[in-house]
């Protein structure tokens, strides 16, 4: 059993956690722009640390979203735009 899955647009291999984060961001990017790691983690049953550790791989794998580390106030905030 493989622990990676293909990222839709870029074709890069992502782990299951990274693919779940990416799917979450794609699903919610139209409704909002700023995402806190801890809130993503709550919705995906991960820790905020897991989200932060995987976000750079997600950012590097996608071409349809722009993901920037925006700030650190009560946790890391990410700016995501389509």
N, C-alpha and C. Protein backbone atom coordinates (compact mmCIF):
# COMPACT_ATOMS: atom_id res chain seq x y z
N UNK A 1 0.84 -1.18 0.00
CA UNK A 1 0.00 0.00 0.00
C UNK A 1 0.89 1.24 0.00
N UNK A 2 0.62 2.16 -0.88
CA UNK A 2 1.40 3.37 -1.00
C UNK A 2 0.90 4.45 -0.04
N UNK A 3 1.84 5.27 0.44
CA UNK A 3 1.46 6.36 1.32
C UNK A 3 1.39 7.68 0.57
N UNK A 4 1.49 7.62 -0.73
CA UNK A 4 1.43 8.86 -1.51
C UNK A 4 0.27 8.80 -2.48
N UNK A 5 -0.14 9.98 -2.89
CA UNK A 5 -1.19 10.11 -3.88
C UNK A 5 -0.81 11.26 -4.80
N UNK A 6 -1.30 11.27 -5.99
CA UNK A 6 -0.93 12.32 -6.94
C UNK A 6 -1.69 13.60 -6.65
N UNK A 7 -1.00 14.71 -6.71
CA UNK A 7 -1.65 16.00 -6.59
C UNK A 7 -2.29 16.31 -7.93
N UNK A 8 -3.51 16.75 -7.90
CA UNK A 8 -4.30 16.94 -9.11
C UNK A 8 -3.62 17.69 -10.23
N UNK A 9 -3.22 18.92 -10.03
CA UNK A 9 -2.76 19.73 -11.14
C UNK A 9 -1.27 19.65 -11.38
N UNK A 10 -0.48 19.46 -10.36
CA UNK A 10 0.96 19.50 -10.55
C UNK A 10 1.56 18.13 -10.82
N UNK A 11 0.87 17.05 -10.42
CA UNK A 11 1.38 15.73 -10.65
C UNK A 11 2.43 15.29 -9.64
N UNK A 12 2.73 16.11 -8.66
CA UNK A 12 3.70 15.75 -7.63
C UNK A 12 3.07 14.80 -6.63
N UNK A 13 3.89 13.95 -6.06
CA UNK A 13 3.39 12.98 -5.08
C UNK A 13 3.20 13.67 -3.73
N UNK A 14 2.04 13.46 -3.13
CA UNK A 14 1.74 13.99 -1.81
C UNK A 14 1.37 12.85 -0.89
N UNK A 15 1.68 13.01 0.39
CA UNK A 15 1.26 12.02 1.36
C UNK A 15 -0.25 12.16 1.56
N UNK A 16 -0.83 11.23 2.28
CA UNK A 16 -2.26 11.28 2.56
C UNK A 16 -2.62 12.56 3.32
N UNK A 17 -1.83 12.92 4.31
CA UNK A 17 -2.09 14.15 5.09
C UNK A 17 -2.03 15.38 4.18
N UNK A 18 -1.02 15.44 3.34
CA UNK A 18 -0.87 16.58 2.43
C UNK A 18 -2.02 16.66 1.45
N UNK A 19 -2.46 15.53 0.95
CA UNK A 19 -3.59 15.50 0.02
C UNK A 19 -4.87 15.96 0.71
N UNK A 20 -5.06 15.58 1.97
CA UNK A 20 -6.23 16.03 2.74
C UNK A 20 -6.19 17.53 2.97
N UNK A 21 -5.02 18.07 3.29
CA UNK A 21 -4.87 19.51 3.49
C UNK A 21 -5.18 20.24 2.18
N UNK A 22 -4.63 19.75 1.09
CA UNK A 22 -4.86 20.37 -0.22
C UNK A 22 -6.34 20.35 -0.58
N UNK A 23 -7.00 19.23 -0.39
CA UNK A 23 -8.42 19.14 -0.69
C UNK A 23 -9.21 20.12 0.16
N UNK A 24 -8.85 20.25 1.43
CA UNK A 24 -9.51 21.18 2.33
C UNK A 24 -9.34 22.63 1.83
N UNK A 25 -8.13 22.98 1.46
CA UNK A 25 -7.87 24.35 0.98
C UNK A 25 -8.62 24.63 -0.32
N UNK A 26 -8.61 23.68 -1.24
CA UNK A 26 -9.33 23.87 -2.50
C UNK A 26 -10.83 24.03 -2.26
N UNK A 27 -11.35 23.25 -1.35
CA UNK A 27 -12.78 23.30 -1.05
C UNK A 27 -13.20 24.62 -0.41
N UNK A 28 -12.32 25.21 0.39
CA UNK A 28 -12.68 26.40 1.16
C UNK A 28 -12.07 27.71 0.65
N UNK A 29 -11.19 27.66 -0.33
CA UNK A 29 -10.50 28.86 -0.81
C UNK A 29 -11.46 29.87 -1.45
N UNK A 30 -12.56 29.42 -1.97
CA UNK A 30 -13.52 30.34 -2.58
C UNK A 30 -14.30 31.14 -1.54
N UNK A 31 -14.42 30.60 -0.33
CA UNK A 31 -15.20 31.25 0.72
C UNK A 31 -14.37 32.17 1.60
N UNK A 32 -13.09 31.87 1.74
CA UNK A 32 -12.25 32.68 2.62
C UNK A 32 -10.82 32.67 2.11
N UNK A 33 -10.03 33.60 2.63
CA UNK A 33 -8.65 33.76 2.17
C UNK A 33 -7.63 33.34 3.21
N UNK A 34 -7.94 33.54 4.49
CA UNK A 34 -6.97 33.28 5.54
C UNK A 34 -7.35 32.04 6.33
N UNK A 35 -6.37 31.17 6.57
CA UNK A 35 -6.59 29.91 7.28
C UNK A 35 -5.57 29.78 8.39
N UNK A 36 -6.01 29.49 9.59
CA UNK A 36 -5.11 29.21 10.70
C UNK A 36 -4.82 27.72 10.73
N UNK A 37 -3.56 27.38 10.98
CA UNK A 37 -3.17 25.97 11.04
C UNK A 37 -4.01 25.20 12.05
N UNK A 38 -4.27 25.79 13.19
CA UNK A 38 -5.01 25.07 14.23
C UNK A 38 -6.46 24.81 13.83
N UNK A 39 -7.05 25.70 13.04
CA UNK A 39 -8.42 25.49 12.59
C UNK A 39 -8.49 24.43 11.48
N UNK A 40 -7.50 24.44 10.60
CA UNK A 40 -7.41 23.38 9.59
C UNK A 40 -7.24 22.04 10.31
N UNK A 41 -6.36 22.03 11.30
CA UNK A 41 -6.08 20.81 12.06
C UNK A 41 -7.34 20.29 12.75
N UNK A 42 -8.12 21.18 13.34
CA UNK A 42 -9.36 20.77 13.99
C UNK A 42 -10.31 20.11 13.01
N UNK A 43 -10.45 20.69 11.83
CA UNK A 43 -11.37 20.17 10.82
C UNK A 43 -10.90 18.84 10.22
N UNK A 44 -9.59 18.61 10.19
CA UNK A 44 -9.05 17.41 9.56
C UNK A 44 -8.56 16.37 10.56
N UNK A 45 -8.77 16.62 11.84
CA UNK A 45 -8.34 15.71 12.90
C UNK A 45 -6.82 15.48 12.85
N UNK A 46 -6.09 16.59 12.71
CA UNK A 46 -4.63 16.60 12.74
C UNK A 46 -4.20 17.56 13.83
N UNK A 47 -2.91 17.64 14.08
CA UNK A 47 -2.40 18.68 14.99
C UNK A 47 -1.98 19.88 14.15
N UNK A 48 -1.93 21.04 14.77
CA UNK A 48 -1.49 22.25 14.07
C UNK A 48 -0.06 22.08 13.59
N UNK A 49 0.73 21.36 14.35
CA UNK A 49 2.12 21.11 13.97
C UNK A 49 2.19 20.26 12.70
N UNK A 50 1.31 19.27 12.58
CA UNK A 50 1.27 18.44 11.37
C UNK A 50 0.88 19.27 10.15
N UNK A 51 -0.08 20.17 10.33
CA UNK A 51 -0.49 21.03 9.22
C UNK A 51 0.68 21.91 8.79
N UNK A 52 1.32 22.57 9.74
CA UNK A 52 2.45 23.44 9.42
C UNK A 52 3.60 22.71 8.76
N UNK A 53 3.88 21.50 9.24
CA UNK A 53 4.98 20.72 8.69
C UNK A 53 4.72 20.26 7.26
N UNK A 54 3.47 20.10 6.90
CA UNK A 54 3.12 19.60 5.56
C UNK A 54 2.75 20.71 4.58
N UNK A 55 2.57 21.90 5.06
CA UNK A 55 2.09 22.98 4.20
C UNK A 55 3.09 23.35 3.10
N UNK A 56 4.38 23.30 3.37
CA UNK A 56 5.34 23.66 2.33
C UNK A 56 5.30 22.67 1.16
N UNK A 57 5.11 21.38 1.45
CA UNK A 57 4.99 20.39 0.38
C UNK A 57 3.72 20.63 -0.43
N UNK A 58 2.64 20.99 0.25
CA UNK A 58 1.38 21.30 -0.44
C UNK A 58 1.58 22.52 -1.33
N UNK A 59 2.20 23.55 -0.77
CA UNK A 59 2.45 24.79 -1.52
C UNK A 59 3.28 24.52 -2.77
N UNK A 60 4.29 23.67 -2.65
CA UNK A 60 5.18 23.38 -3.78
C UNK A 60 4.50 22.50 -4.84
N UNK A 61 3.49 21.74 -4.45
CA UNK A 61 2.86 20.78 -5.36
C UNK A 61 1.75 21.37 -6.21
N UNK A 62 1.18 22.49 -5.81
CA UNK A 62 0.00 23.00 -6.53
C UNK A 62 0.34 24.17 -7.44
N UNK A 63 -0.45 24.28 -8.50
CA UNK A 63 -0.32 25.42 -9.40
C UNK A 63 -1.61 26.24 -9.45
N UNK A 64 -2.70 25.68 -8.94
CA UNK A 64 -3.98 26.38 -9.01
C UNK A 64 -4.27 27.24 -7.78
N UNK A 65 -3.45 27.14 -6.74
CA UNK A 65 -3.60 27.95 -5.54
C UNK A 65 -2.28 28.63 -5.22
N UNK A 66 -2.36 29.82 -4.67
CA UNK A 66 -1.19 30.49 -4.13
C UNK A 66 -1.30 30.41 -2.62
N UNK A 67 -0.29 29.84 -1.98
CA UNK A 67 -0.30 29.65 -0.53
C UNK A 67 0.91 30.37 0.06
N UNK A 68 0.64 31.34 0.94
CA UNK A 68 1.71 32.10 1.57
C UNK A 68 1.56 32.07 3.08
N UNK A 69 2.69 31.93 3.77
CA UNK A 69 2.67 32.04 5.22
C UNK A 69 2.46 33.52 5.52
N UNK A 70 1.38 33.83 6.20
CA UNK A 70 0.96 35.21 6.34
C UNK A 70 1.32 35.81 7.69
N UNK A 71 1.15 35.06 8.76
CA UNK A 71 1.47 35.62 10.06
C UNK A 71 1.44 34.57 11.14
N UNK A 72 1.90 34.99 12.31
CA UNK A 72 1.92 34.09 13.45
C UNK A 72 1.36 34.83 14.66
N UNK A 73 0.07 34.73 14.82
CA UNK A 73 -0.61 35.33 15.96
C UNK A 73 -1.61 34.29 16.42
N UNK A 74 -1.40 33.72 17.60
CA UNK A 74 -2.20 32.61 18.09
C UNK A 74 -2.12 31.43 17.12
N UNK A 75 -0.98 31.23 16.53
CA UNK A 75 -0.75 30.15 15.57
C UNK A 75 -0.48 30.70 14.19
N UNK A 76 0.00 29.85 13.32
CA UNK A 76 0.36 30.28 11.96
C UNK A 76 -0.90 30.49 11.12
N UNK A 77 -0.91 31.60 10.38
CA UNK A 77 -1.99 31.91 9.45
C UNK A 77 -1.44 31.80 8.03
N UNK A 78 -2.22 31.20 7.15
CA UNK A 78 -1.85 31.05 5.75
C UNK A 78 -2.82 31.83 4.88
N UNK A 79 -2.29 32.57 3.89
CA UNK A 79 -3.13 33.25 2.93
C UNK A 79 -3.21 32.36 1.70
N UNK A 80 -4.42 32.02 1.30
CA UNK A 80 -4.63 31.12 0.16
C UNK A 80 -5.53 31.82 -0.85
N UNK A 81 -5.08 31.86 -2.09
CA UNK A 81 -5.89 32.45 -3.15
C UNK A 81 -5.82 31.57 -4.40
N UNK A 82 -6.92 31.59 -5.13
CA UNK A 82 -7.00 30.76 -6.34
C UNK A 82 -6.42 31.51 -7.52
